[in-house]
Amino acid sequence: MQIVRRLLLPLLAVLGILSAVPAQAEEMPTFTLVMRAGRFLPETIEVPANTKFRLLVKNEGPGAEEFESVELRKEKVLAPGASSFLIFQPLKPGTYKFFGEFHPATAQGRIVAK
């Protein structure tokens, strides 16, 4: 009986920790940004202020594209057909601009924290 307890208690502890991880990951809001034909879709992303969030970025264009924000200190270059994500720490209410360096005239957008 003691052997079973020695083996079972650590196993239950590990399972408890592992089951908590997906729940925490799901709590973070996720927003999607698509890069296509030198543009960002949508151009404006509204996020909750003071909340950590994930931005899923997908490049559906025929060439490489970049998400860059000087004020948010974020940069991500994606090959055609690639997807990735960025994690943002909580933002104060306001508007934060981003752009694509490969198409600076058309690839413009903003994150609005409300």
PDB file of N, CA and C in Angstrom:
ATOM      1  N   MET A   1       0.822  -1.191   0.000  1.00  0.00           N
ATOM      2  CA  MET A   1       0.000   0.000   0.000  1.00  0.00           C
ATOM      3  C   MET A   1       0.867   1.254   0.000  1.00  0.00           C
ATOM      4  N   GLN A   2       1.948   1.255   0.792  1.00  0.00           N
ATOM      5  CA  GLN A   2       2.830   2.414   0.844  1.00  0.00           C
ATOM      6  C   GLN A   2       3.552   2.619  -0.493  1.00  0.00           C
ATOM      7  N   ILE A   3       3.876   1.552  -1.161  1.00  0.00           N
ATOM      8  CA  ILE A   3       4.541   1.652  -2.462  1.00  0.00           C
ATOM      9  C   ILE A   3       3.601   2.317  -3.464  1.00  0.00           C
ATOM     10  N   VAL A   4       2.344   1.927  -3.433  1.00  0.00           N
ATOM     11  CA  VAL A   4       1.357   2.512  -4.335  1.00  0.00           C
ATOM     12  C   VAL A   4       1.236   4.006  -4.068  1.00  0.00           C
ATOM     13  N   ARG A   5       1.180   4.411  -2.805  1.00  0.00           N
ATOM     14  CA  ARG A   5       1.081   5.830  -2.451  1.00  0.00           C
ATOM     15  C   ARG A   5       2.315   6.600  -2.939  1.00  0.00           C
ATOM     16  N   ARG A   6       3.483   6.021  -2.744  1.00  0.00           N
ATOM     17  CA  ARG A   6       4.727   6.682  -3.167  1.00  0.00           C
ATOM     18  C   ARG A   6       4.763   6.913  -4.672  1.00  0.00           C
ATOM     19  N   LEU A   7       4.213   5.989  -5.423  1.00  0.00           N
ATOM     20  CA  LEU A   7       4.193   6.122  -6.874  1.00  0.00           C
ATOM     21  C   LEU A   7       3.013   6.962  -7.359  1.00  0.00           C
ATOM     22  N   LEU A   8       1.898   6.810  -6.719  1.00  0.00           N
ATOM     23  CA  LEU A   8       0.683   7.461  -7.175  1.00  0.00           C
ATOM     24  C   LEU A   8       0.637   8.955  -6.863  1.00  0.00           C
ATOM     25  N   LEU A   9       1.080   9.379  -5.694  1.00  0.00           N
ATOM     26  CA  LEU A   9       1.016  10.789  -5.313  1.00  0.00           C
ATOM     27  C   LEU A   9       1.846  11.683  -6.236  1.00  0.00           C
ATOM     28  N   PRO A  10       3.098  11.345  -6.551  1.00  0.00           N
ATOM     29  CA  PRO A  10       3.838  12.195  -7.488  1.00  0.00           C
ATOM     30  C   PRO A  10       3.198  12.230  -8.880  1.00  0.00           C
ATOM     31  N   LEU A  11       2.670  11.099  -9.312  1.00  0.00           N
ATOM     32  CA  LEU A  11       2.010  11.041 -10.608  1.00  0.00           C
ATOM     33  C   LEU A  11       0.786  11.948 -10.637  1.00  0.00           C
ATOM     34  N   LEU A  12      -0.016  11.926  -9.593  1.00  0.00           N
ATOM     35  CA  LEU A  12      -1.195  12.797  -9.517  1.00  0.00           C
ATOM     36  C   LEU A  12      -0.793  14.267  -9.473  1.00  0.00           C
ATOM     37  N   ALA A  13       0.294  14.575  -8.793  1.00  0.00           N
ATOM     38  CA  ALA A  13       0.770  15.962  -8.738  1.00  0.00           C
ATOM     39  C   ALA A  13       1.170  16.446 -10.123  1.00  0.00           C
ATOM     40  N   VAL A  14       1.891  15.620 -10.876  1.00  0.00           N
ATOM     41  CA  VAL A  14       2.305  15.989 -12.230  1.00  0.00           C
ATOM     42  C   VAL A  14       1.085  16.166 -13.132  1.00  0.00           C
ATOM     43  N   LEU A  15       0.141  15.265 -13.037  1.00  0.00           N
ATOM     44  CA  LEU A  15      -1.067  15.375 -13.852  1.00  0.00           C
ATOM     45  C   LEU A  15      -1.850  16.636 -13.510  1.00  0.00           C
ATOM     46  N   GLY A  16      -1.890  17.009 -12.254  1.00  0.00           N
ATOM     47  CA  GLY A  16      -2.565  18.233 -11.845  1.00  0.00           C
ATOM     48  C   GLY A  16      -1.905  19.458 -12.439  1.00  0.00           C
ATOM     49  N   ILE A  17      -0.596  19.490 -12.458  1.00  0.00           N
ATOM     50  CA  ILE A  17       0.138  20.616 -13.040  1.00  0.00           C
ATOM     51  C   ILE A  17      -0.093  20.679 -14.539  1.00  0.00           C
ATOM     52  N   LEU A  18      -0.007  19.555 -15.212  1.00  0.00           N
ATOM     53  CA  LEU A  18      -0.188  19.525 -16.662  1.00  0.00           C
ATOM     54  C   LEU A  18      -1.604  19.903 -17.067  1.00  0.00           C
ATOM     55  N   SER A  19      -2.582  19.525 -16.294  1.00  0.00           N
ATOM     56  CA  SER A  19      -3.956  19.868 -16.657  1.00  0.00           C
ATOM     57  C   SER A  19      -4.230  21.350 -16.474  1.00  0.00           C
ATOM     58  N   ALA A  20      -3.467  22.036 -15.633  1.00  0.00           N
ATOM     59  CA  ALA A  20      -3.665  23.472 -15.414  1.00  0.00           C
ATOM     60  C   ALA A  20      -3.052  24.305 -16.533  1.00  0.00           C
ATOM     61  N   VAL A  21      -2.039  23.804 -17.214  1.00  0.00           N
ATOM     62  CA  VAL A  21      -1.339  24.581 -18.240  1.00  0.00           C
ATOM     63  C   VAL A  21      -2.249  24.964 -19.407  1.00  0.00           C
ATOM     64  N   PRO A  22      -2.993  24.053 -20.033  1.00  0.00           N
ATOM     65  CA  PRO A  22      -3.855  24.466 -21.145  1.00  0.00           C
ATOM     66  C   PRO A  22      -4.911  25.487 -20.726  1.00  0.00           C
ATOM     67  N   ALA A  23      -5.430  25.377 -19.537  1.00  0.00           N
ATOM     68  CA  ALA A  23      -6.441  26.330 -19.087  1.00  0.00           C
ATOM     69  C   ALA A  23      -5.856  27.732 -19.015  1.00  0.00           C
ATOM     70  N   GLN A  24      -4.640  27.872 -18.535  1.00  0.00           N
ATOM     71  CA  GLN A  24      -4.017  29.182 -18.465  1.00  0.00           C
ATOM     72  C   GLN A  24      -3.741  29.712 -19.864  1.00  0.00           C
ATOM     73  N   ALA A  25      -3.309  28.872 -20.773  1.00  0.00           N
ATOM     74  CA  ALA A  25      -2.997  29.308 -22.134  1.00  0.00           C
ATOM     75  C   ALA A  25      -4.260  29.761 -22.862  1.00  0.00           C
ATOM     76  N   GLU A  26      -5.381  29.113 -22.602  1.00  0.00           N
ATOM     77  CA  GLU A  26      -6.627  29.464 -23.265  1.00  0.00           C
ATOM     78  C   GLU A  26      -7.187  30.790 -22.771  1.00  0.00           C
ATOM     79  N   GLU A  27      -6.805  31.219 -21.585  1.00  0.00           N
ATOM     80  CA  GLU A  27      -7.328  32.456 -21.032  1.00  0.00           C
ATOM     81  C   GLU A  27      -6.802  33.681 -21.776  1.00  0.00           C
ATOM     82  N   MET A  28      -5.645  33.579 -22.432  1.00  0.00           N
ATOM     83  CA  MET A  28      -5.074  34.721 -23.135  1.00  0.00           C
ATOM     84  C   MET A  28      -5.855  34.965 -24.426  1.00  0.00           C
ATOM     85  N   PRO A  29      -6.412  36.182 -24.596  1.00  0.00           N
ATOM     86  CA  PRO A  29      -7.128  36.478 -25.839  1.00  0.00           C
ATOM     87  C   PRO A  29      -6.190  36.391 -27.041  1.00  0.00           C
ATOM     88  N   THR A  30      -6.706  35.884 -28.149  1.00  0.00           N
ATOM     89  CA  THR A  30      -5.926  35.754 -29.375  1.00  0.00           C
ATOM     90  C   THR A  30      -6.636  36.496 -30.497  1.00  0.00           C
ATOM     91  N   PHE A  31      -5.862  37.266 -31.255  1.00  0.00           N
ATOM     92  CA  PHE A  31      -6.374  38.028 -32.383  1.00  0.00           C
ATOM     93  C   PHE A  31      -5.591  37.616 -33.621  1.00  0.00           C
ATOM     94  N   THR A  32      -6.245  37.628 -34.773  1.00  0.00           N
ATOM     95  CA  THR A  32      -5.608  37.181 -36.013  1.00  0.00           C
ATOM     96  C   THR A  32      -5.399  38.361 -36.953  1.00  0.00           C
ATOM     97  N   LEU A  33      -4.209  38.402 -37.537  1.00  0.00           N
ATOM     98  CA  LEU A  33      -3.851  39.415 -38.522  1.00  0.00           C
ATOM     99  C   LEU A  33      -3.350  38.685 -39.762  1.00  0.00           C
ATOM    100  N   VAL A  34      -3.952  38.990 -40.915  1.00  0.00           N
ATOM    101  CA  VAL A  34      -3.568  38.353 -42.175  1.00  0.00           C
ATOM    102  C   VAL A  34      -2.813  39.357 -43.025  1.00  0.00           C
ATOM    103  N   MET A  35      -1.721  38.912 -43.622  1.00  0.00           N
ATOM    104  CA  MET A  35      -0.947  39.715 -44.567  1.00  0.00           C
ATOM    105  C   MET A  35      -1.281  39.182 -45.953  1.00  0.00           C
ATOM    106  N   ARG A  36      -1.805  40.074 -46.829  1.00  0.00           N
ATOM    107  CA  ARG A  36      -2.187  39.620 -48.163  1.00  0.00           C
ATOM    108  C   ARG A  36      -2.072  40.803 -49.131  1.00  0.00           C
ATOM    109  N   ALA A  37      -1.413  40.602 -50.238  1.00  0.00           N
ATOM    110  CA  ALA A  37      -1.285  41.607 -51.301  1.00  0.00           C
ATOM    111  C   ALA A  37      -0.745  42.936 -50.775  1.00  0.00           C
ATOM    112  N   GLY A  38       0.239  42.864 -49.885  1.00  0.00           N
ATOM    113  CA  GLY A  38       0.858  44.078 -49.366  1.00  0.00           C
ATOM    114  C   GLY A  38       0.000  44.864 -48.403  1.00  0.00           C
ATOM    115  N   ARG A  39      -1.001  44.210 -47.810  1.00  0.00           N
ATOM    116  CA  ARG A  39      -1.905  44.870 -46.861  1.00  0.00           C
ATOM    117  C   ARG A  39      -2.106  43.983 -45.637  1.00  0.00           C
ATOM    118  N   PHE A  40      -2.541  44.617 -44.540  1.00  0.00           N
ATOM    119  CA  PHE A  40      -2.917  43.903 -43.331  1.00  0.00           C
ATOM    120  C   PHE A  40      -4.434  43.850 -43.251  1.00  0.00           C
ATOM    121  N   LEU A  41      -4.957  42.684 -42.911  1.00  0.00           N
ATOM    122  CA  LEU A  41      -6.395  42.496 -42.747  1.00  0.00           C
ATOM    123  C   LEU A  41      -6.662  41.887 -41.377  1.00  0.00           C
ATOM    124  N   PRO A  42      -7.375  42.527 -40.502  1.00  0.00           N
ATOM    125  CA  PRO A  42      -7.897  43.883 -40.623  1.00  0.00           C
ATOM    126  C   PRO A  42      -6.792  44.918 -40.367  1.00  0.00           C
ATOM    127  N   GLU A  43      -7.046  46.137 -40.779  1.00  0.00           N
ATOM    128  CA  GLU A  43      -6.071  47.209 -40.553  1.00  0.00           C
ATOM    129  C   GLU A  43      -6.091  47.682 -39.105  1.00  0.00           C
ATOM    130  N   THR A  44      -7.224  47.529 -38.445  1.00  0.00           N
ATOM    131  CA  THR A  44      -7.352  47.921 -37.043  1.00  0.00           C
ATOM    132  C   THR A  44      -7.747  46.709 -36.215  1.00  0.00           C
ATOM    133  N   ILE A  45      -6.989  46.474 -35.157  1.00  0.00           N
ATOM    134  CA  ILE A  45      -7.280  45.376 -34.236  1.00  0.00           C
ATOM    135  C   ILE A  45      -7.560  45.993 -32.873  1.00  0.00           C
ATOM    136  N   GLU A  46      -8.752  45.755 -32.348  1.00  0.00           N
ATOM    137  CA  GLU A  46      -9.102  46.251 -31.023  1.00  0.00           C
ATOM    138  C   GLU A  46      -8.824  45.153 -30.002  1.00  0.00           C
ATOM    139  N   VAL A  47      -8.067  45.521 -28.971  1.00  0.00           N
ATOM    140  CA  VAL A  47      -7.694  44.580 -27.917  1.00  0.00           C
ATOM    141  C   VAL A  47      -8.096  45.171 -26.572  1.00  0.00           C
ATOM    142  N   PRO A  48      -8.296  44.319 -25.572  1.00  0.00           N
ATOM    143  CA  PRO A  48      -8.605  44.863 -24.250  1.00  0.00           C
ATOM    144  C   PRO A  48      -7.353  45.499 -23.634  1.00  0.00           C
ATOM    145  N   ALA A  49      -7.510  46.704 -23.114  1.00  0.00           N
ATOM    146  CA  ALA A  49      -6.387  47.376 -22.452  1.00  0.00           C
ATOM    147  C   ALA A  49      -6.019  46.611 -21.178  1.00  0.00           C
ATOM    148  N   ASN A  50      -4.766  46.726 -20.799  1.00  0.00           N
ATOM    149  CA  ASN A  50      -4.271  46.135 -19.551  1.00  0.00           C
ATOM    150  C   ASN A  50      -4.427  44.616 -19.499  1.00  0.00           C
ATOM    151  N   THR A  51      -4.376  43.974 -20.665  1.00  0.00           N
ATOM    152  CA  THR A  51      -4.534  42.518 -20.759  1.00  0.00           C
ATOM    153  C   THR A  51      -3.477  41.954 -21.697  1.00  0.00           C
ATOM    154  N   LYS A  52      -2.759  40.957 -21.249  1.00  0.00           N
ATOM    155  CA  LYS A  52      -1.793  40.267 -22.100  1.00  0.00           C
ATOM    156  C   LYS A  52      -2.558  39.561 -23.212  1.00  0.00           C
ATOM    157  N   PHE A  53      -2.031  39.598 -24.449  1.00  0.00           N
ATOM    158  CA  PHE A  53      -2.722  38.939 -25.551  1.00  0.00           C
ATOM    159  C   PHE A  53      -1.731  38.388 -26.568  1.00  0.00           C
ATOM    160  N   ARG A  54      -2.275  37.510 -27.433  1.00  0.00           N
ATOM    161  CA  ARG A  54      -1.502  36.870 -28.496  1.00  0.00           C
ATOM    162  C   ARG A  54      -2.016  37.389 -29.832  1.00  0.00           C
ATOM    163  N   LEU A  55      -1.079  37.698 -30.726  1.00  0.00           N
ATOM    164  CA  LEU A  55      -1.438  38.092 -32.089  1.00  0.00           C
ATOM    165  C   LEU A  55      -0.942  36.999 -33.025  1.00  0.00           C
ATOM    166  N   LEU A  56      -1.871  36.302 -33.663  1.00  0.00           N
ATOM    167  CA  LEU A  56      -1.553  35.275 -34.641  1.00  0.00           C
ATOM    168  C   LEU A  56      -1.402  35.981 -35.979  1.00  0.00           C
ATOM    169  N   VAL A  57      -0.250  35.837 -36.622  1.00  0.00           N
ATOM    170  CA  VAL A  57       0.048  36.516 -37.876  1.00  0.00           C
ATOM    171  C   VAL A  57       0.189  35.466 -38.975  1.00  0.00           C
ATOM    172  N   LYS A  58      -0.555  35.659 -40.087  1.00  0.00           N
ATOM    173  CA  LYS A  58      -0.532  34.714 -41.210  1.00  0.00           C
ATOM    174  C   LYS A  58      -0.165  35.477 -42.480  1.00  0.00           C
ATOM    175  N   ASN A  59       0.807  34.972 -43.215  1.00  0.00           N
ATOM    176  CA  ASN A  59       1.172  35.576 -44.494  1.00  0.00           C
ATOM    177  C   ASN A  59       0.548  34.758 -45.613  1.00  0.00           C
ATOM    178  N   GLU A  60      -0.492  35.299 -46.216  1.00  0.00           N
ATOM    179  CA  GLU A  60      -1.173  34.635 -47.326  1.00  0.00           C
ATOM    180  C   GLU A  60      -0.740  35.203 -48.670  1.00  0.00           C
ATOM    181  N   GLY A  61       0.289  36.034 -48.662  1.00  0.00           N
ATOM    182  CA  GLY A  61       0.771  36.642 -49.896  1.00  0.00           C
ATOM    183  C   GLY A  61       1.789  35.778 -50.614  1.00  0.00           C
ATOM    184  N   PRO A  62       2.151  36.176 -51.830  1.00  0.00           N
ATOM    185  CA  PRO A  62       3.106  35.404 -52.634  1.00  0.00           C
ATOM    186  C   PRO A  62       4.568  35.643 -52.249  1.00  0.00           C
ATOM    187  N   GLY A  63       4.840  36.669 -51.445  1.00  0.00           N
ATOM    188  CA  GLY A  63       6.219  36.970 -51.057  1.00  0.00           C
ATOM    189  C   GLY A  63       6.331  37.146 -49.555  1.00  0.00           C
ATOM    190  N   ALA A  64       7.556  37.344 -49.097  1.00  0.00           N
ATOM    191  CA  ALA A  64       7.789  37.579 -47.667  1.00  0.00           C
ATOM    192  C   ALA A  64       7.104  38.874 -47.235  1.00  0.00           C
ATOM    193  N   GLU A  65       6.699  38.916 -45.977  1.00  0.00           N
ATOM    194  CA  GLU A  65       6.101  40.126 -45.406  1.00  0.00           C
ATOM    195  C   GLU A  65       6.524  40.217 -43.951  1.00  0.00           C
ATOM    196  N   GLU A  66       6.401  41.428 -43.421  1.00  0.00           N
ATOM    197  CA  GLU A  66       6.873  41.678 -42.070  1.00  0.00           C
ATOM    198  C   GLU A  66       5.822  42.426 -41.264  1.00  0.00           C
ATOM    199  N   PHE A  67       5.715  42.072 -40.002  1.00  0.00           N
ATOM    200  CA  PHE A  67       4.967  42.852 -39.024  1.00  0.00           C
ATOM    201  C   PHE A  67       6.019  43.584 -38.214  1.00  0.00           C
ATOM    202  N   GLU A  68       5.909  44.913 -38.146  1.00  0.00           N
ATOM    203  CA  GLU A  68       6.869  45.673 -37.348  1.00  0.00           C
ATOM    204  C   GLU A  68       6.163  46.833 -36.659  1.00  0.00           C
ATOM    205  N   SER A  69       6.500  47.031 -35.401  1.00  0.00           N
ATOM    206  CA  SER A  69       6.009  48.171 -34.642  1.00  0.00           C
ATOM    207  C   SER A  69       7.174  48.709 -33.821  1.00  0.00           C
ATOM    208  N   VAL A  70       7.568  49.925 -34.140  1.00  0.00           N
ATOM    209  CA  VAL A  70       8.675  50.549 -33.419  1.00  0.00           C
ATOM    210  C   VAL A  70       8.268  50.823 -31.984  1.00  0.00           C
ATOM    211  N   GLU A  71       7.072  51.401 -31.794  1.00  0.00           N
ATOM    212  CA  GLU A  71       6.657  51.768 -30.446  1.00  0.00           C
ATOM    213  C   GLU A  71       6.367  50.567 -29.553  1.00  0.00           C
ATOM    214  N   LEU A  72       5.973  49.436 -30.143  1.00  0.00           N
ATOM    215  CA  LEU A  72       5.739  48.227 -29.354  1.00  0.00           C
ATOM    216  C   LEU A  72       6.970  47.321 -29.296  1.00  0.00           C
ATOM    217  N   ARG A  73       8.006  47.700 -30.041  1.00  0.00           N
ATOM    218  CA  ARG A  73       9.259  46.936 -30.098  1.00  0.00           C
ATOM    219  C   ARG A  73       9.022  45.475 -30.480  1.00  0.00           C
ATOM    220  N   LYS A  74       8.263  45.298 -31.556  1.00  0.00           N
ATOM    221  CA  LYS A  74       7.965  43.956 -32.070  1.00  0.00           C
ATOM    222  C   LYS A  74       8.277  43.910 -33.550  1.00  0.00           C
ATOM    223  N   GLU A  75       8.794  42.758 -33.973  1.00  0.00           N
ATOM    224  CA  GLU A  75       9.120  42.564 -35.387  1.00  0.00           C
ATOM    225  C   GLU A  75       9.056  41.072 -35.696  1.00  0.00           C
ATOM    226  N   LYS A  76       8.419  40.750 -36.817  1.00  0.00           N
ATOM    227  CA  LYS A  76       8.314  39.347 -37.231  1.00  0.00           C
ATOM    228  C   LYS A  76       8.239  39.303 -38.748  1.00  0.00           C
ATOM    229  N   VAL A  77       9.180  38.600 -39.375  1.00  0.00           N
ATOM    230  CA  VAL A  77       9.189  38.413 -40.828  1.00  0.00           C
ATOM    231  C   VAL A  77       8.676  37.008 -41.109  1.00  0.00           C
ATOM    232  N   LEU A  78       7.738  36.921 -42.072  1.00  0.00           N
ATOM    233  CA  LEU A  78       7.155  35.627 -42.422  1.00  0.00           C
ATOM    234  C   LEU A  78       7.318  35.341 -43.902  1.00  0.00           C
ATOM    235  N   ALA A  79       7.698  34.124 -44.203  1.00  0.00           N
ATOM    236  CA  ALA A  79       7.768  33.646 -45.587  1.00  0.00           C
ATOM    237  C   ALA A  79       6.348  33.458 -46.121  1.00  0.00           C
ATOM    238  N   PRO A  80       6.190  33.361 -47.439  1.00  0.00           N
ATOM    239  CA  PRO A  80       4.856  33.123 -48.002  1.00  0.00           C
ATOM    240  C   PRO A  80       4.236  31.848 -47.421  1.00  0.00           C
ATOM    241  N   GLY A  81       2.986  31.940 -47.009  1.00  0.00           N
ATOM    242  CA  GLY A  81       2.281  30.782 -46.463  1.00  0.00           C
ATOM    243  C   GLY A  81       2.576  30.472 -45.013  1.00  0.00           C
ATOM    244  N   ALA A  82       3.463  31.226 -44.387  1.00  0.00           N
ATOM    245  CA  ALA A  82       3.856  30.956 -42.999  1.00  0.00           C
ATOM    246  C   ALA A  82       2.924  31.638 -42.012  1.00  0.00           C
ATOM    247  N   SER A  83       2.864  31.068 -40.814  1.00  0.00           N
ATOM    248  CA  SER A  83       2.114  31.640 -39.699  1.00  0.00           C
ATOM    249  C   SER A  83       3.002  31.642 -38.472  1.00  0.00           C
ATOM    250  N   SER A  84       2.785  32.608 -37.610  1.00  0.00           N
ATOM    251  CA  SER A  84       3.513  32.681 -36.349  1.00  0.00           C
ATOM    252  C   SER A  84       2.664  33.505 -35.389  1.00  0.00           C
ATOM    253  N   PHE A  85       3.220  33.783 -34.225  1.00  0.00           N
ATOM    254  CA  PHE A  85       2.478  34.604 -33.282  1.00  0.00           C
ATOM    255  C   PHE A  85       3.440  35.473 -32.483  1.00  0.00           C
ATOM    256  N   LEU A  86       2.875  36.524 -31.919  1.00  0.00           N
ATOM    257  CA  LEU A  86       3.591  37.439 -31.042  1.00  0.00           C
ATOM    258  C   LEU A  86       2.785  37.554 -29.751  1.00  0.00           C
ATOM    259  N   ILE A  87       3.472  37.633 -28.637  1.00  0.00           N
ATOM    260  CA  ILE A  87       2.815  37.836 -27.352  1.00  0.00           C
ATOM    261  C   ILE A  87       3.042  39.283 -26.934  1.00  0.00           C
ATOM    262  N   PHE A  88       1.969  39.955 -26.573  1.00  0.00           N
ATOM    263  CA  PHE A  88       2.043  41.346 -26.140  1.00  0.00           C
ATOM    264  C   PHE A  88       1.732  41.434 -24.657  1.00  0.00           C
ATOM    265  N   GLN A  89       2.569  42.133 -23.939  1.00  0.00           N
ATOM    266  CA  GLN A  89       2.293  42.424 -22.536  1.00  0.00           C
ATOM    267  C   GLN A  89       1.136  43.421 -22.492  1.00  0.00           C
ATOM    268  N   PRO A  90       0.458  43.552 -21.369  1.00  0.00           N
ATOM    269  CA  PRO A  90      -0.678  44.466 -21.284  1.00  0.00           C
ATOM    270  C   PRO A  90      -0.336  45.876 -21.774  1.00  0.00           C
ATOM    271  N   LEU A  91      -1.207  46.419 -22.623  1.00  0.00           N
ATOM    272  CA  LEU A  91      -1.027  47.762 -23.175  1.00  0.00           C
ATOM    273  C   LEU A  91      -1.940  48.747 -22.457  1.00  0.00           C
ATOM    274  N   LYS A  92      -1.432  49.946 -22.259  1.00  0.00           N
ATOM    275  CA  LYS A  92      -2.271  51.021 -21.730  1.00  0.00           C
ATOM    276  C   LYS A  92      -3.245  51.419 -22.829  1.00  0.00           C
ATOM    277  N   PRO A  93      -4.397  51.984 -22.469  1.00  0.00           N
ATOM    278  CA  PRO A  93      -5.331  52.440 -23.512  1.00  0.00           C
ATOM    279  C   PRO A  93      -4.628  53.386 -24.483  1.00  0.00           C
ATOM    280  N   GLY A  94      -4.884  53.175 -25.760  1.00  0.00           N
ATOM    281  CA  GLY A  94      -4.273  54.021 -26.778  1.00  0.00           C
ATOM    282  C   GLY A  94      -4.189  53.308 -28.110  1.00  0.00           C
ATOM    283  N   THR A  95      -3.555  53.977 -29.070  1.00  0.00           N
ATOM    284  CA  THR A  95      -3.390  53.453 -30.421  1.00  0.00           C
ATOM    285  C   THR A  95      -1.914  53.235 -30.694  1.00  0.00           C
ATOM    286  N   TYR A  96      -1.583  52.066 -31.214  1.00  0.00           N
ATOM    287  CA  TYR A  96      -0.204  51.667 -31.478  1.00  0.00           C
ATOM    288  C   TYR A  96      -0.098  51.258 -32.948  1.00  0.00           C
ATOM    289  N   LYS A  97       0.746  51.937 -33.694  1.00  0.00           N
ATOM    290  CA  LYS A  97       0.872  51.684 -35.129  1.00  0.00           C
ATOM    291  C   LYS A  97       1.818  50.518 -35.412  1.00  0.00           C
ATOM    292  N   PHE A  98       1.538  49.820 -36.530  1.00  0.00           N
ATOM    293  CA  PHE A  98       2.448  48.799 -37.048  1.00  0.00           C
ATOM    294  C   PHE A  98       2.461  48.907 -38.565  1.00  0.00           C
ATOM    295  N   PHE A  99       3.472  48.298 -39.183  1.00  0.00           N
ATOM    296  CA  PHE A  99       3.617  48.390 -40.638  1.00  0.00           C
ATOM    297  C   PHE A  99       4.374  47.181 -41.149  1.00  0.00           C
ATOM    298  N   GLY A 100       4.350  47.037 -42.483  1.00  0.00           N
ATOM    299  CA  GLY A 100       5.122  46.001 -43.150  1.00  0.00           C
ATOM    300  C   GLY A 100       6.232  46.665 -43.939  1.00  0.00           C
ATOM    301  N   GLU A 101       7.454  46.343 -43.636  1.00  0.00           N
ATOM    302  CA  GLU A 101       8.593  47.021 -44.262  1.00  0.00           C
ATOM    303  C   GLU A 101       8.726  46.707 -45.751  1.00  0.00           C
ATOM    304  N   PHE A 102       8.185  45.577 -46.217  1.00  0.00           N
ATOM    305  CA  PHE A 102       8.282  45.232 -47.631  1.00  0.00           C
ATOM    306  C   PHE A 102       7.281  46.009 -48.494  1.00  0.00           C
ATOM    307  N   HIS A 103       6.202  46.495 -47.871  1.00  0.00           N
ATOM    308  CA  HIS A 103       5.169  47.285 -48.559  1.00  0.00           C
ATOM    309  C   HIS A 103       4.772  48.468 -47.676  1.00  0.00           C
ATOM    310  N   PRO A 104       5.695  49.391 -47.410  1.00  0.00           N
ATOM    311  CA  PRO A 104       5.420  50.467 -46.437  1.00  0.00           C
ATOM    312  C   PRO A 104       4.291  51.410 -46.848  1.00  0.00           C
ATOM    313  N   ALA A 105       4.023  51.560 -48.132  1.00  0.00           N
ATOM    314  CA  ALA A 105       2.962  52.463 -48.570  1.00  0.00           C
ATOM    315  C   ALA A 105       1.570  51.903 -48.304  1.00  0.00           C
ATOM    316  N   THR A 106       1.419  50.577 -48.327  1.00  0.00           N
ATOM    317  CA  THR A 106       0.086  49.982 -48.184  1.00  0.00           C
ATOM    318  C   THR A 106      -0.075  49.124 -46.928  1.00  0.00           C
ATOM    319  N   ALA A 107       0.994  48.547 -46.436  1.00  0.00           N
ATOM    320  CA  ALA A 107       0.910  47.667 -45.264  1.00  0.00           C
ATOM    321  C   ALA A 107       1.016  48.506 -43.993  1.00  0.00           C
ATOM    322  N   GLN A 108      -0.113  49.094 -43.621  1.00  0.00           N
ATOM    323  CA  GLN A 108      -0.204  49.946 -42.443  1.00  0.00           C
ATOM    324  C   GLN A 108      -1.355  49.449 -41.567  1.00  0.00           C
ATOM    325  N   GLY A 109      -1.166  49.504 -40.268  1.00  0.00           N
ATOM    326  CA  GLY A 109      -2.240  49.097 -39.374  1.00  0.00           C
ATOM    327  C   GLY A 109      -2.047  49.673 -37.992  1.00  0.00           C
ATOM    328  N   ARG A 110      -3.002  49.344 -37.102  1.00  0.00           N
ATOM    329  CA  ARG A 110      -2.920  49.834 -35.740  1.00  0.00           C
ATOM    330  C   ARG A 110      -3.618  48.868 -34.787  1.00  0.00           C
ATOM    331  N   ILE A 111      -3.093  48.827 -33.600  1.00  0.00           N
ATOM    332  CA  ILE A 111      -3.713  48.106 -32.503  1.00  0.00           C
ATOM    333  C   ILE A 111      -4.299  49.167 -31.582  1.00  0.00           C
ATOM    334  N   VAL A 112      -5.570  49.039 -31.293  1.00  0.00           N
ATOM    335  CA  VAL A 112      -6.243  49.984 -30.402  1.00  0.00           C
ATOM    336  C   VAL A 112      -6.577  49.250 -29.117  1.00  0.00           C
ATOM    337  N   ALA A 113      -5.972  49.685 -28.028  1.00  0.00           N
ATOM    338  CA  ALA A 113      -6.243  49.098 -26.717  1.00  0.00           C
ATOM    339  C   ALA A 113      -7.316  49.929 -26.033  1.00  0.00           C
ATOM    340  N   LYS A 114      -8.421  49.265 -25.694  1.00  0.00           N
ATOM    341  CA  LYS A 114      -9.557  49.962 -25.043  1.00  0.00           C
ATOM    342  C   LYS A 114      -9.858  49.308 -23.717  1.00  0.00           C
TER     343      LYS A 114
END
